[in-house]
Amino acid sequence: MAREYAVLDVIGELRRTHAAGDVGVELEGSEVILGGWVHRRRDHGGVIFVDLRDREGLVQVVFRPDASPEAHERAGELRHEYVILVRGVVMRRSEDTINPKMPTGEVEVEVTELRLLNRATPPPFPIEETVEADEQTRLRFRLHDLRRPPLQRALRLRHRLYQSVRRSLSDLDFIEIETPMLTKSTPEGARDFLVPSRLQPGEFYALPQSPQIMKQMLMIAGFDRYYQIVRCFRDEDQRADRQLEFTQIDLEMAFVGIEDVLTVLEEVTARGCREVADIELPRPFTRIAYADAMARYGSDRPDTRIQLELVNLTDVFRESGFRAFRAAVDDGGIVKCLPIHDAQKLSRGDVDRLESFVKKELGARGLAWIRVTEDGEWRSPIVKFFSEDEKAKVQKLTEARPGSLIFFQADKSAKVNGVLSRLRTDLGERLGRIDGREWDVLFVVDFPLFERDGDEKLTYTHQPFVAPVDEDVELLETDPEKVRGTHYDVVINGVELGSGSLRNHRSDVQRRIFEILGYSKQDTEACFGFLLNALDAGAPPHGGFAFGYDRFAMLLAGLDSLRDVIAFPKTQRGQDLLMDTPAPVEKEQLEALHLRVRLPRREDPSGE
């Protein structure tokens, strides 16, 4: 039996002459051909009105029986999201029918010819500015979501940012070069995505976490200035500001110092903001040392518009009789506090909710606090444990006064700073403690080269290829923890936009760093021998940077999630709900790769 197909019009000789959103009064009396989707359809007593939508916007098209009986009759079949082409004449609307909410609201197109190109299933949610659908539904029906104005705007902004970055770096004499997607697995911090080799059984490629080593190779090869807008991959847990695959603006420069790289970063960042979002960033960018940022804000990516700062009280409680604070200091930890003055808006109930939040969400042991009443009395469950001397020192350092509320943390440095910096941001925004600047741009500099992995061995603060500050090189032999790195970050409004450093161009320095990190000579050669050989081939001093492109676009679009500036993002569980991936593959594919899948054993719910 022959299959029956619905009869639809092909495009034929019709070709679009204008975009829907570009039809204005200047085209009055002109014939136009438009194509797009049926956004709305209204039947008003024989006259049918359709809002036709394409990427440039909406325009009203009108089907009247006397203008084209055939087109009018067929318009009765139209439903939401049907794909159509129309030919018609642009007409000025009467004064009482002008729609000031539409850029094209002064005109309409009287249709003389209609072609139905495709029918469509009903959309799962309205194709409107805002929808009530949850994110899972929006990701599952991503094609419909991408038709909505917010996603259309975000991806067009992303496109403009691409062009701005390319113009900026081309003007600065950078060369765009592609690097491989199938690379060698090297320990760079996050977990690699591995790709099995069919031609070399039992061996694997890795998808790049960044083009770091390859761009260093390009500097050694003499290309002097390289850039690439590149896809990178990290098999790590998802967050609102992180995806399994992401886009990076990657660059590297030879024969440079820190100032040369920062000059380029400032120009590219400021120009992108100006050209893409009409934002003029304050220049020169403010610089803050890592140690200063951690001391004052508890974060290496602070939003300094928030007028709250942390205070270190470790020395105050070093010999304290208050066991909880003294024990933290004796264990190598710190005591810090977040003083908030004029905090009358925060009730005891608010404090209890904050304590619950830092325990359940941030993993803190608790949240100690002191409130200074209007008559100057200190109220808190912990005040009785303070000596008069400790109380006087706390008051002096925090400038506590009537109306002040002070939050304390005593633990390992990372935990204390993590909890208090989060409270600083949340309460600063909630209480309106922001200085009024729209944009806060920082270069964070002078990071330590190494940090402790808990109480265990030293690890790198950012990556193992960061060069030490010249005057600290000798400390690699005597006191590695005091070595400063040539690392730098760009932070805008508390969002780390990207980071970079000068690289080790001497193989002896790079080998010593690998040794400090615990690599044996054998492991060093196996993982990085090709890089060390390249450095020995004659490597110039070089350094670079990587912008998080998705974050940059998110920031300029004024959005809170990377998923809103990526066409086809993954969920927090790393799934693409539109494509239904990841998914199993055929047994034959696994056999060709010499692989066998062993799934984790599921526990028997019966306990047997």
Foldseek 3Di string as FASTA:
>chain_A
DDDDDDDFDDCPPDDFDDEAQPDAPVQAFHKTKYKAWFQDWDQDPQKIWTWGDDLNGTAIEIEHCVLAVVVSVVSVVHDGGFIKMFIFGKHADPPVQFDPVGSRRRIYTYTHDMGGHGHDDDDPFRLEQDTPDDPLVCLQVVVSVCSHVLLSLLQVLLVQLVVLLVVLVVVVVADEDDDDQFADDFPWPFDWDWAFDLVDFPDTTTGAQDCVLVQLLVLLVPRFKYWYFDKHAGPDFDDQADFRIFTKTWMKGFPDALVVFLVSVQRSLQRSLCRRQVDHDDPDAAEDEQVRCCQWQLDLFAQVLQPWTKFWCFVLCCVFPQVVQVVLVVVVATKMKTKDALQPVQDPVNQVVLQVCCVPPVVAPGKFKWAQAQVRDIDGPCPVRDDPSSVVVVCVRRVDDHNMMMIMGRHHSNSRSVSRNVVSVVVSVVVVSGNPDPKHKYKYFFAQQWDDPVPDAIDGPRGLFFDWDVVCLVCLVPPSRPTTTQKIFIHMSSRTFKIKHWGDLALVSSVSSCVSNPDDPVRCCVNPVVSSVSSVSPRGTMMIMMGRSLVSSCVSSVHRGSVSSDSQGADSVNASSNVGDDDDDDPVVCVSSVHDDDDDDDQDPVND
